[in-house]
PDB file of N, CA and C in Angstrom:
ATOM      1  N   MET A   1     146.684  27.062 -90.705  1.00  0.00           N
ATOM      2  CA  MET A   1     146.352  27.632 -89.562  1.00  0.00           C
ATOM      3  C   MET A   1     146.045  27.014 -88.182  1.00  0.00           C
ATOM      4  N   SER A   2     146.191  27.281 -87.504  1.00  0.00           N
ATOM      5  CA  SER A   2     145.975  26.262 -86.099  1.00  0.00           C
ATOM      6  C   SER A   2     145.204  26.881 -85.113  1.00  0.00           C
ATOM      7  N   SER A   3     145.076  26.465 -83.799  1.00  0.00           N
ATOM      8  CA  SER A   3     144.220  26.995 -82.900  1.00  0.00           C
ATOM      9  C   SER A   3     145.300  28.046 -81.960  1.00  0.00           C
ATOM     10  N   TRP A   4     146.407  28.130 -82.295  1.00  0.00           N
ATOM     11  CA  TRP A   4     147.291  28.719 -81.625  1.00  0.00           C
ATOM     12  C   TRP A   4     147.724  30.510 -82.303  1.00  0.00           C
ATOM     13  N   GLY A   5     146.582  30.769 -82.426  1.00  0.00           N
ATOM     14  CA  GLY A   5     146.392  32.399 -82.862  1.00  0.00           C
ATOM     15  C   GLY A   5     146.407  32.377 -84.299  1.00  0.00           C
ATOM     16  N   TYR A   6     146.462  33.436 -84.775  1.00  0.00           N
ATOM     17  CA  TYR A   6     146.564  33.674 -86.213  1.00  0.00           C
ATOM     18  C   TYR A   6     147.439  34.469 -87.116  1.00  0.00           C
ATOM     19  N   PHE A   7     147.305  34.752 -88.336  1.00  0.00           N
ATOM     20  CA  PHE A   7     148.665  35.226 -88.888  1.00  0.00           C
ATOM     21  C   PHE A   7     148.153  37.013 -88.970  1.00  0.00           C
ATOM     22  N   GLN A   8     149.349  37.440 -88.424  1.00  0.00           N
ATOM     23  CA  GLN A   8     149.121  39.041 -88.899  1.00  0.00           C
ATOM     24  C   GLN A   8     149.819  39.657 -89.459  1.00  0.00           C
ATOM     25  N   GLN A   9     150.032  40.491 -90.275  1.00  0.00           N
ATOM     26  CA  GLN A   9     150.580  41.413 -91.203  1.00  0.00           C
ATOM     27  C   GLN A   9     150.017  42.816 -91.004  1.00  0.00           C
ATOM     28  N   GLY A  10     151.166  43.410 -91.167  1.00  0.00           N
ATOM     29  CA  GLY A  10     150.534  45.260 -91.497  1.00  0.00           C
ATOM     30  C   GLY A  10     151.088  46.110 -90.728  1.00  0.00           C
ATOM     31  N   ASN A  11     150.286  46.291 -89.564  1.00  0.00           N
ATOM     32  CA  ASN A  11     150.549  47.867 -88.964  1.00  0.00           C
ATOM     33  C   ASN A  11     151.553  47.430 -87.997  1.00  0.00           C
ATOM     34  N   ALA A  12     151.996  48.824 -87.682  1.00  0.00           N
ATOM     35  CA  ALA A  12     153.404  48.655 -87.004  1.00  0.00           C
ATOM     36  C   ALA A  12     153.032  48.054 -85.702  1.00  0.00           C
ATOM     37  N   GLN A  13     152.088  48.314 -84.816  1.00  0.00           N
ATOM     38  CA  GLN A  13     151.353  48.075 -83.845  1.00  0.00           C
ATOM     39  C   GLN A  13     151.608  46.272 -83.745  1.00  0.00           C
ATOM     40  N   GLN A  14     151.308  45.333 -84.728  1.00  0.00           N
ATOM     41  CA  GLN A  14     151.214  44.271 -85.226  1.00  0.00           C
ATOM     42  C   GLN A  14     152.732  43.702 -85.317  1.00  0.00           C
ATOM     43  N   GLU A  15     153.185  44.667 -85.954  1.00  0.00           N
ATOM     44  CA  GLU A  15     154.808  44.232 -85.971  1.00  0.00           C
ATOM     45  C   GLU A  15     155.403  44.161 -85.165  1.00  0.00           C
ATOM     46  N   GLU A  16     155.184  45.185 -83.953  1.00  0.00           N
ATOM     47  CA  GLU A  16     155.931  45.257 -82.534  1.00  0.00           C
ATOM     48  C   GLU A  16     155.363  43.900 -81.974  1.00  0.00           C
ATOM     49  N   ILE A  17     154.126  43.395 -81.720  1.00  0.00           N
ATOM     50  CA  ILE A  17     153.758  42.131 -81.102  1.00  0.00           C
ATOM     51  C   ILE A  17     154.526  40.968 -81.642  1.00  0.00           C
ATOM     52  N   MET A  18     154.786  41.020 -82.878  1.00  0.00           N
ATOM     53  CA  MET A  18     155.510  39.820 -83.633  1.00  0.00           C
ATOM     54  C   MET A  18     156.942  40.056 -82.759  1.00  0.00           C
ATOM     55  N   ARG A  19     157.289  40.762 -83.256  1.00  0.00           N
ATOM     56  CA  ARG A  19     158.962  41.176 -82.740  1.00  0.00           C
ATOM     57  C   ARG A  19     158.999  40.942 -80.766  1.00  0.00           C
ATOM     58  N   LEU A  20     157.999  41.031 -80.051  1.00  0.00           N
ATOM     59  CA  LEU A  20     157.785  40.675 -78.940  1.00  0.00           C
ATOM     60  C   LEU A  20     157.959  39.457 -78.522  1.00  0.00           C
ATOM     61  N   GLY A  21     156.697  38.817 -79.493  1.00  0.00           N
ATOM     62  CA  GLY A  21     156.529  37.468 -79.500  1.00  0.00           C
ATOM     63  C   GLY A  21     157.674  36.656 -79.623  1.00  0.00           C
ATOM     64  N   GLN A  22     158.568  36.907 -80.650  1.00  0.00           N
ATOM     65  CA  GLN A  22     159.545  36.296 -81.139  1.00  0.00           C
ATOM     66  C   GLN A  22     160.576  36.304 -79.799  1.00  0.00           C
ATOM     67  N   ALA A  23     160.858  37.600 -79.053  1.00  0.00           N
ATOM     68  CA  ALA A  23     161.785  37.787 -77.910  1.00  0.00           C
ATOM     69  C   ALA A  23     161.591  36.975 -77.298  1.00  0.00           C
ATOM     70  N   LEU A  24     160.179  36.707 -76.521  1.00  0.00           N
ATOM     71  CA  LEU A  24     159.629  35.972 -75.634  1.00  0.00           C
ATOM     72  C   LEU A  24     160.056  34.620 -76.068  1.00  0.00           C
ATOM     73  N   ASN A  25     159.779  34.122 -77.047  1.00  0.00           N
ATOM     74  CA  ASN A  25     160.168  32.674 -77.528  1.00  0.00           C
ATOM     75  C   ASN A  25     161.336  32.618 -77.417  1.00  0.00           C
ATOM     76  N   ASN A  26     162.000  33.362 -77.771  1.00  0.00           N
ATOM     77  CA  ASN A  26     163.615  32.827 -77.594  1.00  0.00           C
ATOM     78  C   ASN A  26     164.142  32.823 -76.741  1.00  0.00           C
ATOM     79  N   HIS A  27     163.696  33.553 -75.745  1.00  0.00           N
ATOM     80  CA  HIS A  27     164.301  33.647 -74.323  1.00  0.00           C
ATOM     81  C   HIS A  27     163.577  32.764 -73.334  1.00  0.00           C
ATOM     82  N   ILE A  28     162.491  32.294 -73.538  1.00  0.00           N
ATOM     83  CA  ILE A  28     162.175  31.280 -72.579  1.00  0.00           C
ATOM     84  C   ILE A  28     162.220  29.865 -73.248  1.00  0.00           C
ATOM     85  N   GLN A  29     162.445  29.771 -74.298  1.00  0.00           N
ATOM     86  CA  GLN A  29     162.665  28.401 -74.962  1.00  0.00           C
ATOM     87  C   GLN A  29     161.011  27.703 -75.354  1.00  0.00           C
ATOM     88  N   CYS A  30     160.210  28.395 -75.336  1.00  0.00           N
ATOM     89  CA  CYS A  30     158.691  27.796 -75.116  1.00  0.00           C
ATOM     90  C   CYS A  30     157.764  28.538 -76.193  1.00  0.00           C
ATOM     91  N   ALA A  31     157.221  27.816 -77.197  1.00  0.00           N
ATOM     92  CA  ALA A  31     156.587  28.207 -78.259  1.00  0.00           C
ATOM     93  C   ALA A  31     155.249  29.437 -77.637  1.00  0.00           C
ATOM     94  N   VAL A  32     155.199  30.322 -77.948  1.00  0.00           N
ATOM     95  CA  VAL A  32     153.978  31.197 -77.719  1.00  0.00           C
ATOM     96  C   VAL A  32     153.123  31.739 -78.873  1.00  0.00           C
ATOM     97  N   HIS A  33     152.122  32.052 -78.095  1.00  0.00           N
ATOM     98  CA  HIS A  33     150.998  32.949 -79.177  1.00  0.00           C
ATOM     99  C   HIS A  33     150.287  33.783 -78.597  1.00  0.00           C
ATOM    100  N   TYR A  34     149.881  34.874 -79.450  1.00  0.00           N
ATOM    101  CA  TYR A  34     148.965  35.927 -79.247  1.00  0.00           C
ATOM    102  C   TYR A  34     147.843  36.298 -80.349  1.00  0.00           C
ATOM    103  N   PRO A  35     146.809  36.516 -80.077  1.00  0.00           N
ATOM    104  CA  PRO A  35     146.546  36.781 -78.575  1.00  0.00           C
ATOM    105  C   PRO A  35     145.780  35.963 -77.841  1.00  0.00           C
ATOM    106  N   ALA A  36     146.298  35.788 -76.339  1.00  0.00           N
ATOM    107  CA  ALA A  36     145.635  34.329 -75.478  1.00  0.00           C
ATOM    108  C   ALA A  36     144.108  34.974 -75.244  1.00  0.00           C
ATOM    109  N   PHE A  37     143.516  34.311 -75.328  1.00  0.00           N
ATOM    110  CA  PHE A  37     141.893  34.312 -74.551  1.00  0.00           C
ATOM    111  C   PHE A  37     141.204  35.725 -74.985  1.00  0.00           C
ATOM    112  N   GLY A  38     141.902  36.040 -76.329  1.00  0.00           N
ATOM    113  CA  GLY A  38     141.049  37.211 -76.679  1.00  0.00           C
ATOM    114  C   GLY A  38     141.438  38.500 -76.104  1.00  0.00           C
ATOM    115  N   LYS A  39     142.649  38.164 -75.687  1.00  0.00           N
ATOM    116  CA  LYS A  39     143.060  39.749 -74.651  1.00  0.00           C
ATOM    117  C   LYS A  39     144.692  39.599 -75.259  1.00  0.00           C
ATOM    118  N   ASN A  40     145.078  40.909 -74.485  1.00  0.00           N
ATOM    119  CA  ASN A  40     146.642  41.804 -74.661  1.00  0.00           C
ATOM    120  C   ASN A  40     147.613  40.767 -74.168  1.00  0.00           C
ATOM    121  N   LEU A  41     147.735  39.409 -74.136  1.00  0.00           N
ATOM    122  CA  LEU A  41     148.131  38.608 -73.332  1.00  0.00           C
ATOM    123  C   LEU A  41     149.078  37.510 -74.631  1.00  0.00           C
ATOM    124  N   PHE A  42     150.182  37.001 -73.798  1.00  0.00           N
ATOM    125  CA  PHE A  42     150.711  36.224 -74.535  1.00  0.00           C
ATOM    126  C   PHE A  42     150.704  34.943 -74.039  1.00  0.00           C
ATOM    127  N   GLU A  43     150.492  33.637 -74.271  1.00  0.00           N
ATOM    128  CA  GLU A  43     150.469  32.174 -73.889  1.00  0.00           C
ATOM    129  C   GLU A  43     151.386  31.452 -74.332  1.00  0.00           C
ATOM    130  N   CYS A  44     152.442  30.745 -73.306  1.00  0.00           N
ATOM    131  CA  CYS A  44     153.177  29.907 -73.703  1.00  0.00           C
ATOM    132  C   CYS A  44     152.428  28.632 -73.878  1.00  0.00           C
ATOM    133  N   LYS A  45     153.242  27.591 -74.535  1.00  0.00           N
ATOM    134  CA  LYS A  45     152.481  26.423 -74.589  1.00  0.00           C
ATOM    135  C   LYS A  45     152.533  25.616 -73.151  1.00  0.00           C
ATOM    136  N   CYS A  46     153.164  25.864 -72.182  1.00  0.00           N
ATOM    137  CA  CYS A  46     152.807  25.796 -70.791  1.00  0.00           C
ATOM    138  C   CYS A  46     151.269  26.265 -70.396  1.00  0.00           C
ATOM    139  N   GLY A  47     151.036  26.962 -71.181  1.00  0.00           N
ATOM    140  CA  GLY A  47     149.636  27.281 -70.547  1.00  0.00           C
ATOM    141  C   GLY A  47     149.754  28.724 -69.680  1.00  0.00           C
ATOM    142  N   VAL A  48     151.152  29.161 -69.285  1.00  0.00           N
ATOM    143  CA  VAL A  48     151.425  30.696 -68.699  1.00  0.00           C
ATOM    144  C   VAL A  48     150.888  31.709 -69.414  1.00  0.00           C
ATOM    145  N   THR A  49     150.748  32.869 -69.306  1.00  0.00           N
ATOM    146  CA  THR A  49     150.069  33.957 -69.738  1.00  0.00           C
ATOM    147  C   THR A  49     150.893  35.257 -69.153  1.00  0.00           C
ATOM    148  N   PHE A  50     151.414  35.989 -70.215  1.00  0.00           N
ATOM    149  CA  PHE A  50     152.328  36.882 -70.045  1.00  0.00           C
ATOM    150  C   PHE A  50     151.689  38.509 -70.752  1.00  0.00           C
ATOM    151  N   MET A  51     151.905  39.456 -69.617  1.00  0.00           N
ATOM    152  CA  MET A  51     151.224  40.488 -70.335  1.00  0.00           C
ATOM    153  C   MET A  51     152.152  41.153 -71.201  1.00  0.00           C
ATOM    154  N   VAL A  52     151.591  41.910 -72.624  1.00  0.00           N
ATOM    155  CA  VAL A  52     152.694  42.501 -73.482  1.00  0.00           C
ATOM    156  C   VAL A  52     153.222  43.596 -72.961  1.00  0.00           C
ATOM    157  N   SER A  53     153.021  44.106 -71.751  1.00  0.00           N
ATOM    158  CA  SER A  53     153.603  45.500 -71.009  1.00  0.00           C
ATOM    159  C   SER A  53     154.763  44.582 -70.301  1.00  0.00           C
ATOM    160  N   ALA A  54     154.319  43.561 -69.977  1.00  0.00           N
ATOM    161  CA  ALA A  54     156.093  43.005 -69.056  1.00  0.00           C
ATOM    162  C   ALA A  54     156.983  42.417 -69.791  1.00  0.00           C
ATOM    163  N   VAL A  55     156.571  41.798 -71.498  1.00  0.00           N
ATOM    164  CA  VAL A  55     157.316  41.415 -72.089  1.00  0.00           C
ATOM    165  C   VAL A  55     158.137  42.701 -72.845  1.00  0.00           C
ATOM    166  N   LYS A  56     157.587  43.862 -73.228  1.00  0.00           N
ATOM    167  CA  LYS A  56     157.730  44.758 -73.625  1.00  0.00           C
ATOM    168  C   LYS A  56     159.084  45.710 -72.838  1.00  0.00           C
ATOM    169  N   GLU A  57     158.424  45.671 -71.368  1.00  0.00           N
ATOM    170  CA  GLU A  57     159.847  46.139 -70.631  1.00  0.00           C
ATOM    171  C   GLU A  57     161.058  45.610 -70.660  1.00  0.00           C
ATOM    172  N   ALA A  58     160.967  43.985 -70.460  1.00  0.00           N
ATOM    173  CA  ALA A  58     162.246  42.845 -70.645  1.00  0.00           C
ATOM    174  C   ALA A  58     162.703  43.104 -71.931  1.00  0.00           C
ATOM    175  N   VAL A  59     162.339  43.227 -73.047  1.00  0.00           N
ATOM    176  CA  VAL A  59     162.962  43.948 -74.189  1.00  0.00           C
ATOM    177  C   VAL A  59     163.686  44.974 -74.191  1.00  0.00           C
ATOM    178  N   ARG A  60     162.905  46.247 -73.388  1.00  0.00           N
ATOM    179  CA  ARG A  60     163.421  47.500 -73.453  1.00  0.00           C
ATOM    180  C   ARG A  60     164.609  47.306 -72.481  1.00  0.00           C
ATOM    181  N   THR A  61     164.877  46.837 -71.417  1.00  0.00           N
ATOM    182  CA  THR A  61     165.791  46.570 -70.416  1.00  0.00           C
ATOM    183  C   THR A  61     166.628  45.691 -70.320  1.00  0.00           C
ATOM    184  N   ASP A  62     166.163  44.641 -71.096  1.00  0.00           N
ATOM    185  CA  ASP A  62     167.048  43.557 -71.497  1.00  0.00           C
ATOM    186  C   ASP A  62     167.264  42.715 -70.009  1.00  0.00           C
ATOM    187  N   ASP A  63     166.046  42.861 -68.743  1.00  0.00           N
ATOM    188  CA  ASP A  63     166.087  42.190 -67.422  1.00  0.00           C
ATOM    189  C   ASP A  63     165.009  41.256 -68.034  1.00  0.00           C
ATOM    190  N   TRP A  64     164.916  39.845 -67.681  1.00  0.00           N
ATOM    191  CA  TRP A  64     164.116  39.191 -67.960  1.00  0.00           C
ATOM    192  C   TRP A  64     163.783  38.585 -66.791  1.00  0.00           C
ATOM    193  N   GLY A  65     164.326  38.917 -65.479  1.00  0.00           N
ATOM    194  CA  GLY A  65     164.016  38.233 -64.249  1.00  0.00           C
ATOM    195  C   GLY A  65     162.363  38.064 -63.990  1.00  0.00           C
ATOM    196  N   LEU A  66     161.612  39.316 -64.415  1.00  0.00           N
ATOM    197  CA  LEU A  66     160.247  38.814 -63.945  1.00  0.00           C
ATOM    198  C   LEU A  66     159.593  37.730 -65.030  1.00  0.00           C
ATOM    199  N   ILE A  67     159.896  37.697 -66.263  1.00  0.00           N
ATOM    200  CA  ILE A  67     159.587  37.022 -67.127  1.00  0.00           C
ATOM    201  C   ILE A  67     160.027  35.255 -66.746  1.00  0.00           C
ATOM    202  N   ASP A  68     161.322  35.348 -66.161  1.00  0.00           N
ATOM    203  CA  ASP A  68     161.585  34.122 -65.621  1.00  0.00           C
ATOM    204  C   ASP A  68     160.894  33.476 -64.793  1.00  0.00           C
ATOM    205  N   GLU A  69     160.451  34.628 -63.788  1.00  0.00           N
ATOM    206  CA  GLU A  69     159.576  33.957 -62.630  1.00  0.00           C
ATOM    207  C   GLU A  69     158.399  33.798 -63.110  1.00  0.00           C
ATOM    208  N   ILE A  70     157.733  34.131 -63.942  1.00  0.00           N
ATOM    209  CA  ILE A  70     156.259  33.923 -64.218  1.00  0.00           C
ATOM    210  C   ILE A  70     156.395  32.716 -64.872  1.00  0.00           C
ATOM    211  N   HIS A  71     157.471  32.196 -65.901  1.00  0.00           N
ATOM    212  CA  HIS A  71     157.665  30.880 -66.392  1.00  0.00           C
ATOM    213  C   HIS A  71     157.455  30.051 -65.441  1.00  0.00           C
ATOM    214  N   LYS A  72     158.445  30.102 -64.540  1.00  0.00           N
ATOM    215  CA  LYS A  72     158.854  29.144 -63.910  1.00  0.00           C
ATOM    216  C   LYS A  72     157.910  28.803 -62.360  1.00  0.00           C
ATOM    217  N   THR A  73     157.187  30.101 -62.016  1.00  0.00           N
ATOM    218  CA  THR A  73     156.127  29.593 -60.857  1.00  0.00           C
ATOM    219  C   THR A  73     154.411  29.885 -60.967  1.00  0.00           C
ATOM    220  N   LYS A  74     154.410  30.445 -62.379  1.00  0.00           N
ATOM    221  CA  LYS A  74     152.589  30.820 -62.373  1.00  0.00           C
ATOM    222  C   LYS A  74     151.832  29.612 -62.236  1.00  0.00           C
ATOM    223  N   TRP A  75     150.625  29.775 -62.548  1.00  0.00           N
ATOM    224  CA  TRP A  75     149.461  28.650 -62.554  1.00  0.00           C
ATOM    225  C   TRP A  75     149.463  28.055 -63.541  1.00  0.00           C
ATOM    226  N   ARG A  76     149.598  26.870 -64.097  1.00  0.00           N
ATOM    227  CA  ARG A  76     149.519  25.781 -65.386  1.00  0.00           C
ATOM    228  C   ARG A  76     148.416  25.200 -65.294  1.00  0.00           C
ATOM    229  N   PRO A  77     147.862  24.962 -66.466  1.00  0.00           N
ATOM    230  CA  PRO A  77     146.821  24.150 -66.560  1.00  0.00           C
ATOM    231  C   PRO A  77     147.523  22.574 -66.400  1.00  0.00           C
ATOM    232  N   VAL A  78     146.980  21.748 -65.686  1.00  0.00           N
ATOM    233  CA  VAL A  78     147.172  20.696 -65.122  1.00  0.00           C
ATOM    234  C   VAL A  78     147.490  19.676 -66.653  1.00  0.00           C
ATOM    235  N   ASN A  79     147.204  19.779 -67.831  1.00  0.00           N
ATOM    236  CA  ASN A  79     147.123  18.944 -69.068  1.00  0.00           C
ATOM    237  C   ASN A  79     148.590  19.605 -69.902  1.00  0.00           C
ATOM    238  N   LYS A  80     148.891  21.056 -69.340  1.00  0.00           N
ATOM    239  CA  LYS A  80     149.972  21.600 -70.202  1.00  0.00           C
ATOM    240  C   LYS A  80     151.124  21.669 -69.421  1.00  0.00           C
ATOM    241  N   ALA A  81     151.213  20.918 -68.615  1.00  0.00           N
ATOM    242  CA  ALA A  81     152.338  21.186 -67.150  1.00  0.00           C
ATOM    243  C   ALA A  81     153.837  21.129 -68.336  1.00  0.00           C
ATOM    244  N   ARG A  82     154.463  21.791 -67.904  1.00  0.00           N
ATOM    245  CA  ARG A  82     155.842  21.302 -68.710  1.00  0.00           C
ATOM    246  C   ARG A  82     156.675  20.413 -68.003  1.00  0.00           C
ATOM    247  N   LYS A  83     157.236  19.536 -68.764  1.00  0.00           N
ATOM    248  CA  LYS A  83     157.814  18.265 -68.310  1.00  0.00           C
ATOM    249  C   LYS A  83     159.189  18.439 -68.210  1.00  0.00           C
TER     250      LYS A  83
END
């Protein structure tokens, strides 16, 4: 186990989080983990956070514009900056 979250298995809500995280990872091509900061957020390897509801809406509508904008423009910790 690493510091990038923990293994989840079981109920439908956890399975949905796993499905959403995988979709986010595949779309932005950046590793993600859940929960970030103990909250209902995904965090990518760059240090950018994404609300679960935003990812859920992107998957539902197949419109990833907001997710792309967040990943490209939101604050990142200096030591995690994407190269």
